[in-house]
């Protein structure tokens, strides 16, 4: 599944277009690599998301679209902290 779609379906980001913009700005990493919106996400991958005032690191538990639509637990939070930044991305 594409990283932008995963971020939307897992409810980390409210809109897929916002997820695409974040990935294009370099604010999303999959297993330590900067991700494009089309980067594939698999079970077990580590996702790091830099929000303007927050850093979130999660482990993907399921990237299956059908399970995500049935409200399955999509990820495990490994780190969630507030960050003070002047420039969001």
PDB file of N, CA and C in Angstrom:
ATOM      1  N   UNK A   1       0.844  -1.170   0.000  1.00  0.00           N
ATOM      2  CA  UNK A   1       0.000   0.000   0.000  1.00  0.00           C
ATOM      3  C   UNK A   1       0.896   1.243   0.000  1.00  0.00           C
ATOM      4  N   UNK A   2       0.462   2.256  -0.707  1.00  0.00           N
ATOM      5  CA  UNK A   2       1.209   3.516  -0.772  1.00  0.00           C
ATOM      6  C   UNK A   2       1.227   4.193   0.598  1.00  0.00           C
ATOM      7  N   UNK A   3       2.323   4.879   0.907  1.00  0.00           N
ATOM      8  CA  UNK A   3       2.454   5.516   2.216  1.00  0.00           C
ATOM      9  C   UNK A   3       1.403   6.607   2.418  1.00  0.00           C
ATOM     10  N   UNK A   4       1.067   7.371   1.374  1.00  0.00           N
ATOM     11  CA  UNK A   4       0.059   8.425   1.546  1.00  0.00           C
ATOM     12  C   UNK A   4      -1.310   7.825   1.868  1.00  0.00           C
ATOM     13  N   UNK A   5      -1.629   6.719   1.230  1.00  0.00           N
ATOM     14  CA  UNK A   5      -2.910   6.058   1.492  1.00  0.00           C
ATOM     15  C   UNK A   5      -2.925   5.436   2.891  1.00  0.00           C
ATOM     16  N   UNK A   6      -1.798   4.853   3.307  1.00  0.00           N
ATOM     17  CA  UNK A   6      -1.717   4.276   4.649  1.00  0.00           C
ATOM     18  C   UNK A   6      -1.911   5.346   5.717  1.00  0.00           C
ATOM     19  N   UNK A   7      -1.259   6.491   5.547  1.00  0.00           N
ATOM     20  CA  UNK A   7      -1.402   7.572   6.528  1.00  0.00           C
ATOM     21  C   UNK A   7      -2.854   8.015   6.651  1.00  0.00           C
ATOM     22  N   UNK A   8      -3.571   8.041   5.546  1.00  0.00           N
ATOM     23  CA  UNK A   8      -4.981   8.437   5.558  1.00  0.00           C
ATOM     24  C   UNK A   8      -5.851   7.354   6.194  1.00  0.00           C
ATOM     25  N   UNK A   9      -5.721   6.106   5.739  1.00  0.00           N
ATOM     26  CA  UNK A   9      -6.577   5.030   6.242  1.00  0.00           C
ATOM     27  C   UNK A   9      -6.309   4.697   7.709  1.00  0.00           C
ATOM     28  N   UNK A  10      -5.081   4.904   8.166  1.00  0.00           N
ATOM     29  CA  UNK A  10      -4.757   4.631   9.568  1.00  0.00           C
ATOM     30  C   UNK A  10      -5.105   5.815  10.470  1.00  0.00           C
ATOM     31  N   UNK A  11      -5.578   6.897   9.860  1.00  0.00           N
ATOM     32  CA  UNK A  11      -6.013   8.100  10.565  1.00  0.00           C
ATOM     33  C   UNK A  11      -4.873   8.836  11.271  1.00  0.00           C
ATOM     34  N   UNK A  12      -3.650   8.685  10.766  1.00  0.00           N
ATOM     35  CA  UNK A  12      -2.536   9.494  11.257  1.00  0.00           C
ATOM     36  C   UNK A  12      -2.674  10.899  10.689  1.00  0.00           C
ATOM     37  N   UNK A  13      -3.118  10.985   9.429  1.00  0.00           N
ATOM     38  CA  UNK A  13      -3.361  12.256   8.743  1.00  0.00           C
ATOM     39  C   UNK A  13      -4.807  12.232   8.253  1.00  0.00           C
ATOM     40  N   UNK A  14      -5.486  13.366   8.325  1.00  0.00           N
ATOM     41  CA  UNK A  14      -6.914  13.399   7.983  1.00  0.00           C
ATOM     42  C   UNK A  14      -7.192  13.314   6.491  1.00  0.00           C
ATOM     43  N   UNK A  15      -6.305  13.871   5.671  1.00  0.00           N
ATOM     44  CA  UNK A  15      -6.559  13.899   4.228  1.00  0.00           C
ATOM     45  C   UNK A  15      -5.357  13.339   3.465  1.00  0.00           C
ATOM     46  N   UNK A  16      -5.651  12.607   2.401  1.00  0.00           N
ATOM     47  CA  UNK A  16      -4.579  12.007   1.605  1.00  0.00           C
ATOM     48  C   UNK A  16      -3.733  13.073   0.923  1.00  0.00           C
ATOM     49  N   UNK A  17      -4.338  14.175   0.509  1.00  0.00           N
ATOM     50  CA  UNK A  17      -3.555  15.238  -0.132  1.00  0.00           C
ATOM     51  C   UNK A  17      -2.555  15.838   0.846  1.00  0.00           C
ATOM     52  N   UNK A  18      -2.926  15.926   2.114  1.00  0.00           N
ATOM     53  CA  UNK A  18      -1.993  16.423   3.132  1.00  0.00           C
ATOM     54  C   UNK A  18      -0.848  15.427   3.300  1.00  0.00           C
ATOM     55  N   UNK A  19      -1.158  14.139   3.302  1.00  0.00           N
ATOM     56  CA  UNK A  19      -0.126  13.105   3.398  1.00  0.00           C
ATOM     57  C   UNK A  19       0.831  13.187   2.206  1.00  0.00           C
ATOM     58  N   UNK A  20       0.297  13.437   1.011  1.00  0.00           N
ATOM     59  CA  UNK A  20       1.135  13.581  -0.180  1.00  0.00           C
ATOM     60  C   UNK A  20       2.055  14.789  -0.050  1.00  0.00           C
ATOM     61  N   UNK A  21       1.515  15.914   0.415  1.00  0.00           N
ATOM     62  CA  UNK A  21       2.325  17.124   0.582  1.00  0.00           C
ATOM     63  C   UNK A  21       3.426  16.908   1.609  1.00  0.00           C
ATOM     64  N   UNK A  22       3.110  16.221   2.701  1.00  0.00           N
ATOM     65  CA  UNK A  22       4.117  15.946   3.728  1.00  0.00           C
ATOM     66  C   UNK A  22       5.237  15.071   3.171  1.00  0.00           C
ATOM     67  N   UNK A  23       4.877  14.047   2.408  1.00  0.00           N
ATOM     68  CA  UNK A  23       5.885  13.161   1.827  1.00  0.00           C
ATOM     69  C   UNK A  23       6.757  13.911   0.823  1.00  0.00           C
ATOM     70  N   UNK A  24       6.151  14.746  -0.001  1.00  0.00           N
ATOM     71  CA  UNK A  24       6.916  15.525  -0.980  1.00  0.00           C
ATOM     72  C   UNK A  24       7.849  16.521  -0.299  1.00  0.00           C
ATOM     73  N   UNK A  25       7.485  16.977   0.901  1.00  0.00           N
ATOM     74  CA  UNK A  25       8.317  17.925   1.646  1.00  0.00           C
ATOM     75  C   UNK A  25       9.416  17.219   2.442  1.00  0.00           C
ATOM     76  N   UNK A  26       9.415  15.877   2.443  1.00  0.00           N
ATOM     77  CA  UNK A  26      10.445  15.128   3.158  1.00  0.00           C
ATOM     78  C   UNK A  26      10.118  14.885   4.619  1.00  0.00           C
ATOM     79  N   UNK A  27       8.866  15.038   5.011  1.00  0.00           N
ATOM     80  CA  UNK A  27       8.466  14.888   6.410  1.00  0.00           C
ATOM     81  C   UNK A  27       8.062  13.459   6.767  1.00  0.00           C
ATOM     82  N   UNK A  28       8.141  12.535   5.804  1.00  0.00           N
ATOM     83  CA  UNK A  28       7.763  11.142   6.053  1.00  0.00           C
ATOM     84  C   UNK A  28       8.934  10.243   5.670  1.00  0.00           C
ATOM     85  N   UNK A  29       9.281   9.323   6.583  1.00  0.00           N
ATOM     86  CA  UNK A  29      10.340   8.359   6.313  1.00  0.00           C
ATOM     87  C   UNK A  29       9.808   6.946   6.564  1.00  0.00           C
ATOM     88  N   UNK A  30      10.191   6.028   5.685  1.00  0.00           N
ATOM     89  CA  UNK A  30       9.829   4.620   5.834  1.00  0.00           C
ATOM     90  C   UNK A  30      11.118   3.843   6.044  1.00  0.00           C
ATOM     91  N   UNK A  31      11.250   3.228   7.198  1.00  0.00           N
ATOM     92  CA  UNK A  31      12.447   2.452   7.562  1.00  0.00           C
ATOM     93  C   UNK A  31      13.721   3.270   7.368  1.00  0.00           C
ATOM     94  N   UNK A  32      13.682   4.535   7.767  1.00  0.00           N
ATOM     95  CA  UNK A  32      14.858   5.394   7.731  1.00  0.00           C
ATOM     96  C   UNK A  32      15.107   6.121   6.422  1.00  0.00           C
ATOM     97  N   UNK A  33      14.337   5.847   5.387  1.00  0.00           N
ATOM     98  CA  UNK A  33      14.524   6.502   4.083  1.00  0.00           C
ATOM     99  C   UNK A  33      13.406   7.503   3.841  1.00  0.00           C
ATOM    100  N   UNK A  34      13.764   8.650   3.288  1.00  0.00           N
ATOM    101  CA  UNK A  34      12.751   9.651   2.949  1.00  0.00           C
ATOM    102  C   UNK A  34      11.817   9.041   1.913  1.00  0.00           C
ATOM    103  N   UNK A  35      10.512   9.192   2.151  1.00  0.00           N
ATOM    104  CA  UNK A  35       9.511   8.528   1.315  1.00  0.00           C
ATOM    105  C   UNK A  35       8.831   9.494   0.366  1.00  0.00           C
ATOM    106  N   UNK A  36       8.574   9.010  -0.851  1.00  0.00           N
ATOM    107  CA  UNK A  36       7.704   9.714  -1.791  1.00  0.00           C
ATOM    108  C   UNK A  36       6.279   9.259  -1.479  1.00  0.00           C
ATOM    109  N   UNK A  37       5.269   9.972  -1.961  1.00  0.00           N
ATOM    110  CA  UNK A  37       3.894   9.533  -1.697  1.00  0.00           C
ATOM    111  C   UNK A  37       3.603   8.115  -2.194  1.00  0.00           C
ATOM    112  N   UNK A  38       4.310   7.676  -3.237  1.00  0.00           N
ATOM    113  CA  UNK A  38       4.047   6.357  -3.819  1.00  0.00           C
ATOM    114  C   UNK A  38       4.875   5.235  -3.193  1.00  0.00           C
ATOM    115  N   UNK A  39       5.702   5.540  -2.199  1.00  0.00           N
ATOM    116  CA  UNK A  39       6.513   4.513  -1.549  1.00  0.00           C
ATOM    117  C   UNK A  39       5.611   3.459  -0.915  1.00  0.00           C
ATOM    118  N   UNK A  40       5.943   2.202  -1.141  1.00  0.00           N
ATOM    119  CA  UNK A  40       5.138   1.101  -0.605  1.00  0.00           C
ATOM    120  C   UNK A  40       5.443   0.872   0.876  1.00  0.00           C
ATOM    121  N   UNK A  41       4.392   0.621   1.641  1.00  0.00           N
ATOM    122  CA  UNK A  41       4.498   0.317   3.064  1.00  0.00           C
ATOM    123  C   UNK A  41       4.093  -1.138   3.256  1.00  0.00           C
ATOM    124  N   UNK A  42       4.897  -1.878   4.048  1.00  0.00           N
ATOM    125  CA  UNK A  42       4.609  -3.285   4.324  1.00  0.00           C
ATOM    126  C   UNK A  42       4.496  -3.487   5.836  1.00  0.00           C
ATOM    127  N   UNK A  43       3.918  -4.601   6.229  1.00  0.00           N
ATOM    128  CA  UNK A  43       3.839  -4.944   7.650  1.00  0.00           C
ATOM    129  C   UNK A  43       5.249  -4.973   8.235  1.00  0.00           C
ATOM    130  N   UNK A  44       5.418  -4.380   9.413  1.00  0.00           N
ATOM    131  CA  UNK A  44       6.713  -4.372  10.080  1.00  0.00           C
ATOM    132  C   UNK A  44       7.575  -3.162   9.781  1.00  0.00           C
ATOM    133  N   UNK A  45       7.216  -2.353   8.791  1.00  0.00           N
ATOM    134  CA  UNK A  45       7.988  -1.148   8.471  1.00  0.00           C
ATOM    135  C   UNK A  45       7.898  -0.137   9.609  1.00  0.00           C
ATOM    136  N   UNK A  46       8.953   0.665   9.759  1.00  0.00           N
ATOM    137  CA  UNK A  46       8.947   1.766  10.716  1.00  0.00           C
ATOM    138  C   UNK A  46       8.639   3.051   9.962  1.00  0.00           C
ATOM    139  N   UNK A  47       7.648   3.780  10.427  1.00  0.00           N
ATOM    140  CA  UNK A  47       7.267   5.058   9.822  1.00  0.00           C
ATOM    141  C   UNK A  47       7.621   6.175  10.774  1.00  0.00           C
ATOM    142  N   UNK A  48       8.267   7.212  10.260  1.00  0.00           N
ATOM    143  CA  UNK A  48       8.562   8.413  11.038  1.00  0.00           C
ATOM    144  C   UNK A  48       7.880   9.575  10.342  1.00  0.00           C
ATOM    145  N   UNK A  49       7.054  10.294  11.087  1.00  0.00           N
ATOM    146  CA  UNK A  49       6.288  11.401  10.523  1.00  0.00           C
ATOM    147  C   UNK A  49       6.602  12.660  11.317  1.00  0.00           C
ATOM    148  N   UNK A  50       7.092  13.698  10.617  1.00  0.00           N
ATOM    149  CA  UNK A  50       7.390  14.991  11.234  1.00  0.00           C
ATOM    150  C   UNK A  50       6.235  15.940  10.976  1.00  0.00           C
ATOM    151  N   UNK A  51       5.422  16.158  12.005  1.00  0.00           N
ATOM    152  CA  UNK A  51       4.383  17.179  11.926  1.00  0.00           C
ATOM    153  C   UNK A  51       5.022  18.503  12.318  1.00  0.00           C
ATOM    154  N   UNK A  52       4.376  19.643  12.051  1.00  0.00           N
ATOM    155  CA  UNK A  52       4.968  20.931  12.423  1.00  0.00           C
ATOM    156  C   UNK A  52       5.318  21.047  13.911  1.00  0.00           C
ATOM    157  N   UNK A  53       4.542  20.441  14.799  1.00  0.00           N
ATOM    158  CA  UNK A  53       4.841  20.572  16.228  1.00  0.00           C
ATOM    159  C   UNK A  53       4.944  19.220  16.937  1.00  0.00           C
ATOM    160  N   UNK A  54       5.099  18.157  16.167  1.00  0.00           N
ATOM    161  CA  UNK A  54       5.090  16.821  16.765  1.00  0.00           C
ATOM    162  C   UNK A  54       5.901  15.851  15.914  1.00  0.00           C
ATOM    163  N   UNK A  55       6.556  14.895  16.573  1.00  0.00           N
ATOM    164  CA  UNK A  55       7.280  13.821  15.890  1.00  0.00           C
ATOM    165  C   UNK A  55       6.622  12.503  16.281  1.00  0.00           C
ATOM    166  N   UNK A  56       6.298  11.680  15.295  1.00  0.00           N
ATOM    167  CA  UNK A  56       5.625  10.411  15.545  1.00  0.00           C
ATOM    168  C   UNK A  56       6.396   9.290  14.859  1.00  0.00           C
ATOM    169  N   UNK A  57       6.709   8.248  15.629  1.00  0.00           N
ATOM    170  CA  UNK A  57       7.385   7.068  15.084  1.00  0.00           C
ATOM    171  C   UNK A  57       6.513   5.863  15.411  1.00  0.00           C
ATOM    172  N   UNK A  58       6.138   5.103  14.374  1.00  0.00           N
ATOM    173  CA  UNK A  58       5.248   3.953  14.556  1.00  0.00           C
ATOM    174  C   UNK A  58       5.769   2.740  13.797  1.00  0.00           C
ATOM    175  N   UNK A  59       5.339   1.559  14.238  1.00  0.00           N
ATOM    176  CA  UNK A  59       5.604   0.315  13.519  1.00  0.00           C
ATOM    177  C   UNK A  59       4.293  -0.114  12.876  1.00  0.00           C
ATOM    178  N   UNK A  60       4.341  -0.412  11.589  1.00  0.00           N
ATOM    179  CA  UNK A  60       3.148  -0.820  10.846  1.00  0.00           C
ATOM    180  C   UNK A  60       2.784  -2.252  11.246  1.00  0.00           C
ATOM    181  N   UNK A  61       1.560  -2.442  11.734  1.00  0.00           N
ATOM    182  CA  UNK A  61       1.081  -3.776  12.096  1.00  0.00           C
ATOM    183  C   UNK A  61       0.352  -4.434  10.936  1.00  0.00           C
ATOM    184  N   UNK A  62      -0.412  -3.640  10.189  1.00  0.00           N
ATOM    185  CA  UNK A  62      -1.072  -4.167   8.999  1.00  0.00           C
ATOM    186  C   UNK A  62      -1.168  -3.074   7.942  1.00  0.00           C
ATOM    187  N   UNK A  63      -0.834  -3.445   6.719  1.00  0.00           N
ATOM    188  CA  UNK A  63      -0.958  -2.521   5.594  1.00  0.00           C
ATOM    189  C   UNK A  63      -2.016  -3.029   4.625  1.00  0.00           C
ATOM    190  N   UNK A  64      -2.868  -3.930   5.103  1.00  0.00           N
ATOM    191  CA  UNK A  64      -3.934  -4.487   4.281  1.00  0.00           C
ATOM    192  C   UNK A  64      -5.121  -3.530   4.274  1.00  0.00           C
ATOM    193  N   UNK A  65      -5.498  -3.069   3.094  1.00  0.00           N
ATOM    194  CA  UNK A  65      -6.558  -2.066   2.966  1.00  0.00           C
ATOM    195  C   UNK A  65      -7.888  -2.546   3.541  1.00  0.00           C
ATOM    196  N   UNK A  66      -8.239  -3.795   3.305  1.00  0.00           N
ATOM    197  CA  UNK A  66      -9.514  -4.321   3.811  1.00  0.00           C
ATOM    198  C   UNK A  66      -9.547  -4.301   5.340  1.00  0.00           C
ATOM    199  N   UNK A  67      -8.446  -4.675   5.972  1.00  0.00           N
ATOM    200  CA  UNK A  67      -8.392  -4.661   7.435  1.00  0.00           C
ATOM    201  C   UNK A  67      -8.446  -3.237   7.976  1.00  0.00           C
ATOM    202  N   UNK A  68      -7.775  -2.308   7.298  1.00  0.00           N
ATOM    203  CA  UNK A  68      -7.790  -0.917   7.751  1.00  0.00           C
ATOM    204  C   UNK A  68      -9.187  -0.322   7.653  1.00  0.00           C
ATOM    205  N   UNK A  69      -9.906  -0.673   6.601  1.00  0.00           N
ATOM    206  CA  UNK A  69     -11.268  -0.165   6.447  1.00  0.00           C
ATOM    207  C   UNK A  69     -12.216  -0.772   7.479  1.00  0.00           C
ATOM    208  N   UNK A  70     -11.856  -1.945   8.023  1.00  0.00           N
ATOM    209  CA  UNK A  70     -12.661  -2.571   9.073  1.00  0.00           C
ATOM    210  C   UNK A  70     -12.194  -2.131  10.457  1.00  0.00           C
ATOM    211  N   UNK A  71     -11.381  -1.075  10.508  1.00  0.00           N
ATOM    212  CA  UNK A  71     -10.924  -0.470  11.760  1.00  0.00           C
ATOM    213  C   UNK A  71      -9.958  -1.362  12.553  1.00  0.00           C
ATOM    214  N   UNK A  72      -9.146  -2.164  11.864  1.00  0.00           N
ATOM    215  CA  UNK A  72      -8.123  -2.954  12.540  1.00  0.00           C
ATOM    216  C   UNK A  72      -7.059  -2.008  13.095  1.00  0.00           C
ATOM    217  N   UNK A  73      -6.310  -2.456  14.091  1.00  0.00           N
ATOM    218  CA  UNK A  73      -5.235  -1.641  14.652  1.00  0.00           C
ATOM    219  C   UNK A  73      -4.112  -1.570  13.623  1.00  0.00           C
ATOM    220  N   UNK A  74      -3.877  -0.378  13.041  1.00  0.00           N
ATOM    221  CA  UNK A  74      -2.936  -0.286  11.927  1.00  0.00           C
ATOM    222  C   UNK A  74      -1.471  -0.154  12.331  1.00  0.00           C
ATOM    223  N   UNK A  75      -1.214   0.361  13.537  1.00  0.00           N
ATOM    224  CA  UNK A  75       0.172   0.623  13.907  1.00  0.00           C
ATOM    225  C   UNK A  75       0.348   0.581  15.416  1.00  0.00           C
ATOM    226  N   UNK A  76       1.632   0.486  15.815  1.00  0.00           N
ATOM    227  CA  UNK A  76       2.017   0.533  17.219  1.00  0.00           C
ATOM    228  C   UNK A  76       2.878   1.781  17.394  1.00  0.00           C
ATOM    229  N   UNK A  77       2.533   2.646  18.329  1.00  0.00           N
ATOM    230  CA  UNK A  77       3.283   3.879  18.560  1.00  0.00           C
ATOM    231  C   UNK A  77       4.562   3.543  19.320  1.00  0.00           C
ATOM    232  N   UNK A  78       5.701   3.915  18.740  1.00  0.00           N
ATOM    233  CA  UNK A  78       6.992   3.709  19.381  1.00  0.00           C
ATOM    234  C   UNK A  78       7.490   4.983  20.048  1.00  0.00           C
ATOM    235  N   UNK A  79       7.172   6.127  19.431  1.00  0.00           N
ATOM    236  CA  UNK A  79       7.599   7.418  19.975  1.00  0.00           C
ATOM    237  C   UNK A  79       6.618   8.488  19.519  1.00  0.00           C
ATOM    238  N   UNK A  80       6.250   9.346  20.451  1.00  0.00           N
ATOM    239  CA  UNK A  80       5.341  10.450  20.154  1.00  0.00           C
ATOM    240  C   UNK A  80       5.737  11.602  21.064  1.00  0.00           C
ATOM    241  N   UNK A  81       6.336  12.634  20.470  1.00  0.00           N
ATOM    242  CA  UNK A  81       6.791  13.756  21.297  1.00  0.00           C
ATOM    243  C   UNK A  81       6.528  15.080  20.605  1.00  0.00           C
ATOM    244  N   UNK A  82       6.353  16.098  21.429  1.00  0.00           N
ATOM    245  CA  UNK A  82       6.175  17.449  20.905  1.00  0.00           C
ATOM    246  C   UNK A  82       7.538  18.026  20.564  1.00  0.00           C
ATOM    247  N   UNK A  83       7.566  18.858  19.525  1.00  0.00           N
ATOM    248  CA  UNK A  83       8.811  19.455  19.056  1.00  0.00           C
ATOM    249  C   UNK A  83       8.575  20.939  18.824  1.00  0.00           C
ATOM    250  N   UNK A  84       9.522  21.759  19.233  1.00  0.00           N
ATOM    251  CA  UNK A  84       9.439  23.197  18.965  1.00  0.00           C
ATOM    252  C   UNK A  84      10.260  23.486  17.711  1.00  0.00           C
ATOM    253  N   UNK A  85       9.588  23.993  16.680  1.00  0.00           N
ATOM    254  CA  UNK A  85      10.264  24.290  15.412  1.00  0.00           C
ATOM    255  C   UNK A  85       9.869  25.664  14.922  1.00  0.00           C
ATOM    256  N   UNK A  86      10.807  26.323  14.240  1.00  0.00           N
ATOM    257  CA  UNK A  86      10.504  27.588  13.581  1.00  0.00           C
ATOM    258  C   UNK A  86       9.938  27.331  12.188  1.00  0.00           C
ATOM    259  N   UNK A  87      10.531  26.364  11.488  1.00  0.00           N
ATOM    260  CA  UNK A  87      10.115  26.020  10.128  1.00  0.00           C
ATOM    261  C   UNK A  87       9.499  24.624  10.156  1.00  0.00           C
ATOM    262  N   UNK A  88       8.215  24.481   9.789  1.00  0.00           N
ATOM    263  CA  UNK A  88       7.558  23.186   9.922  1.00  0.00           C
ATOM    264  C   UNK A  88       8.214  22.059   9.135  1.00  0.00           C
ATOM    265  N   UNK A  89       8.569  22.279   7.861  1.00  0.00           N
ATOM    266  CA  UNK A  89       9.201  21.230   7.077  1.00  0.00           C
ATOM    267  C   UNK A  89      10.365  21.840   6.366  1.00  0.00           C
TER     268      UNK A  89
END
